């Protein structure tokens, strides 16, 4: 269950947003910035203790450049990722380590002047579990 702020949402293939067709299905999330505000989507997930990276597909709108900040529990994970094409491509966040429990992952636009990006196929990939204490 994703949460969307007022500068984000869901768009369909063939919509006025002009996105390339979704890699799977017919919808993608969009992040837009304008009027000094930026789009953000988030979701709370349960994770085991360990090190992870977030994979996703992203595309830019027409020739607009809208970098995407990936965060976990309101802490940015690595540098912002900038989609480089109107076609969806695979991207992966920097790795991050968490304790077992509920954590909020988020994608946020970084430019509040008007550009948009699209996101689809989000995955959380385990890199290494944290060993259990003996």
Protein backbone atom coordinates (compact mmCIF):
# COMPACT_ATOMS: atom_id res chain seq x y z
CA UNK A 1 0.00 0.00 0.00
CA UNK A 2 1.75 3.12 -1.23
CA UNK A 3 1.07 6.56 0.22
CA UNK A 4 1.16 9.49 -2.22
CA UNK A 5 1.49 13.21 -1.47
CA UNK A 6 -0.11 15.94 -3.60
CA UNK A 7 2.76 16.02 -6.14
CA UNK A 8 2.67 12.26 -6.86
CA UNK A 9 0.19 9.68 -8.04
CA UNK A 10 -0.57 6.91 -10.51
CA UNK A 11 -0.75 7.32 -14.28
CA UNK A 12 -1.91 4.86 -16.96
CA UNK A 13 -0.42 3.90 -20.30
CA UNK A 14 -1.57 6.39 -22.94
CA UNK A 15 -2.43 9.12 -20.40
CA UNK A 16 -1.69 12.82 -20.81
CA UNK A 17 1.47 12.25 -18.74
CA UNK A 18 3.12 10.91 -21.90
CA UNK A 19 5.04 8.13 -20.16
CA UNK A 20 6.38 5.16 -22.07
CA UNK A 21 4.19 2.11 -21.44
CA UNK A 22 4.70 0.51 -18.02
CA UNK A 23 7.24 -2.34 -18.00
CA UNK A 24 4.55 -4.61 -16.48
CA UNK A 25 0.83 -3.88 -16.37
CA UNK A 26 -0.64 -0.53 -17.35
CA UNK A 27 0.18 1.86 -14.48
CA UNK A 28 3.21 3.53 -12.95
CA UNK A 29 3.76 6.01 -10.15
CA UNK A 30 4.74 9.57 -11.04
CA UNK A 31 6.79 12.06 -9.06
CA UNK A 32 6.56 15.71 -10.00
CA UNK A 33 7.89 18.94 -8.60
CA UNK A 34 6.26 22.33 -9.01
CA UNK A 35 5.32 25.42 -7.01
CA UNK A 36 8.24 24.79 -4.67
CA UNK A 37 6.99 21.32 -3.63
CA UNK A 38 8.07 17.81 -4.66
CA UNK A 39 6.27 14.50 -5.11
CA UNK A 40 6.85 11.67 -2.67
CA UNK A 41 5.57 8.11 -2.39
CA UNK A 42 6.21 5.85 0.58
CA UNK A 43 5.38 2.45 1.99
CA UNK A 44 6.04 0.77 5.34
CA UNK A 45 7.44 -2.76 5.14
CA UNK A 46 8.60 -5.42 7.59
CA UNK A 47 12.24 -6.41 7.14
CA UNK A 48 14.53 -8.85 8.92
CA UNK A 49 17.79 -7.44 10.23
CA UNK A 50 20.27 -7.22 7.39
CA UNK A 51 21.64 -5.27 4.46
CA UNK A 52 19.43 -4.48 1.48
CA UNK A 53 19.19 -2.43 -1.72
CA UNK A 54 16.04 -1.16 -3.44
CA UNK A 55 15.62 -1.97 -7.10
CA UNK A 56 13.15 -0.20 -9.38
CA UNK A 57 12.44 0.80 -12.95
CA UNK A 58 12.32 4.52 -13.76
CA UNK A 59 11.89 6.80 -16.76
CA UNK A 60 11.88 10.55 -17.30
CA UNK A 61 8.98 12.48 -18.80
CA UNK A 62 9.76 13.57 -22.37
CA UNK A 63 13.11 15.35 -22.00
CA UNK A 64 12.60 16.47 -18.42
CA UNK A 65 15.19 15.65 -15.78
CA UNK A 66 13.78 14.82 -12.33
CA UNK A 67 16.28 13.14 -9.99
CA UNK A 68 14.77 10.67 -7.53
CA UNK A 69 15.85 10.44 -3.90
CA UNK A 70 15.49 6.99 -2.30
CA UNK A 71 15.21 6.92 1.49
CA UNK A 72 14.67 4.46 4.30
CA UNK A 73 13.21 5.78 7.55
CA UNK A 74 13.70 9.36 6.29
CA UNK A 75 17.43 8.83 5.66
CA UNK A 76 18.59 9.19 2.05
CA UNK A 77 20.21 6.02 0.69
CA UNK A 78 23.12 7.03 -1.55
CA UNK A 79 22.96 9.76 -4.16
CA UNK A 80 19.79 10.75 -6.00
CA UNK A 81 19.17 8.63 -9.10
CA UNK A 82 18.42 10.42 -12.36
CA UNK A 83 16.53 8.54 -15.08
CA UNK A 84 18.37 9.18 -18.34
CA UNK A 85 15.72 8.17 -20.87
CA UNK A 86 12.01 8.23 -21.64
CA UNK A 87 12.25 4.42 -21.70
CA UNK A 88 12.08 2.54 -18.40
CA UNK A 89 15.43 1.22 -17.18
CA UNK A 90 16.53 -0.65 -14.07
CA UNK A 91 18.14 1.26 -11.19
CA UNK A 92 19.37 0.15 -7.76
CA UNK A 93 19.85 2.24 -4.64
CA UNK A 94 22.97 2.13 -2.54
CA UNK A 95 22.88 -0.57 0.13
CA UNK A 96 21.53 0.10 3.62
CA UNK A 97 21.40 -1.87 6.86
CA UNK A 98 18.38 -2.15 9.15
CA UNK A 99 17.35 -3.87 12.34
CA UNK A 100 14.39 -6.25 12.29
CA UNK A 101 11.03 -4.52 12.19
CA UNK A 102 8.94 -1.97 10.33
CA UNK A 103 10.74 0.47 8.04
CA UNK A 104 9.45 3.12 5.65
CA UNK A 105 10.87 3.24 2.13
CA UNK A 106 10.27 6.34 0.04
CA UNK A 107 10.89 7.81 -3.40
CA UNK A 108 10.95 11.59 -3.63
CA UNK A 109 11.45 14.08 -6.45
CA UNK A 110 14.27 16.56 -5.89
CA UNK A 111 13.49 19.38 -8.35
CA UNK A 112 10.50 21.57 -7.44
CA UNK A 113 10.48 23.52 -10.72
CA UNK A 114 8.25 21.29 -12.86
CA UNK A 115 9.84 18.08 -14.20
CA UNK A 116 8.42 14.58 -13.67
CA UNK A 117 9.72 11.01 -13.44
CA UNK A 118 7.94 7.65 -13.42
CA UNK A 119 8.58 4.60 -11.19
CA UNK A 120 7.54 0.95 -11.48
CA UNK A 121 8.54 -2.55 -10.32
CA UNK A 122 9.96 -1.73 -6.88
CA UNK A 123 11.82 -4.58 -5.16
CA UNK A 124 13.74 -4.82 -1.90
CA UNK A 125 16.72 -7.08 -2.41
CA UNK A 126 18.57 -8.72 0.49
CA UNK A 127 22.33 -8.47 0.23
CA UNK A 128 23.31 -10.14 3.50
CA UNK A 129 21.45 -11.04 6.67
CA UNK A 130 22.76 -9.86 10.01
CA UNK A 131 23.95 -12.92 11.94
CA UNK A 132 21.88 -13.88 14.96
CA UNK A 133 23.64 -13.52 18.33
CA UNK A 134 24.76 -16.79 19.88
